[in-house]
C-alpha cells in the first residue's frame, strides 16, 4: 500500500536536511542581518551586511584550528626526547604550548597557518644532541658477553628460514622466543639507516657518488636481544657488485652464512655505548 508524503512531511524532511547539511551544502541565515542565503566570502563576512562573520565561517575556522592543533601535536610526538638536553626539551614543550595557544587565538585560516608553520620552524631550530648508534658483529657481541648462545640460536633461527645449523651443518632443534616487538618501528629503522649511511660514507667503503639514505635498505629485522637490535642491512647503489659467494662464520658453535656486500649477514645495532 503506497503512502503519500504530506506537505508537512516534506517540510520536516527539508528541515532535517538543512540541519544535517549545515552551511556547507544548504544556504544559511546570517545571525546579524538575517538575510538568506548567507554566503561566506574570503574575509568570513556575510555578503549582505558585511559586518560580522557568518556562522558557517566560524564553524569552519574552529575545525581548521582543531586540525592544526592535531598536526602540531603529531609533530611533537614524532620527536625523540633523547635527542635533546633536559633544558632544550623543556623549551620545545613550551613552544608546543604557545603554538597551540597562537592557533586557538588566530582570527582566520591564514593566521592558523602562520602560527602552525612558525611554531614548527621554531621547534626545528632547537639544538639537538649529536649522537650516533653503534654497530657490532655477532662475534664481537658474543665474545664480550653482550649476547648469549641462546640469543645466537634465536638469531640464526629467524635469519635462516627457521632452521639452525651447528658447526658440522647438522640441524639444531631450537624453539625461539617470539620477537618482541614483532616488527621494527619506522622511527628506529630510519635512525639505523641514517647511522649506517653516515658510517659507510665516513669510512669510504664506497666510491664517492650521489648516494643518499634512500640507498640504504634494512633487509631483515631479526629481533632485539639484550638491547641490541639484530638486522640485515645493505647499501644499494648503481655500481657493479663483486661476486663474493657465501660468507660462512661459526659463532658459539652456531653456523651463520651470508652474501652481503658491506655486512656479513646479521649485525647488531644499539644506541648505547659499550
Foldseek 3Di string as FASTA:
>chain_A
DDDDQDPVNVVVVVVVCCVVVDVVPAADAFPPPRDPRFDQDPLQAGPVPRPDRGPVQVVVLVVLLVVLLVVLVVLLVLDDPQFADPVLNVVLVVLNVVLNVQSVPDPHNVSNVCSSVVSSVVNVPRHTDDAAKDKFAPQVCDVVVLFDVLVVQLLQCQQPVRWWAFPVRDTDDDDHDAAVVNDDDPSVVLRVLVRVVVVCVVVPVDPDDPDDSVQKDFPAWRHAGSQWTKTFIARHDDDDQDFDPKDWDHHPRIIDIDRGRPDRGIMIIHRDDD
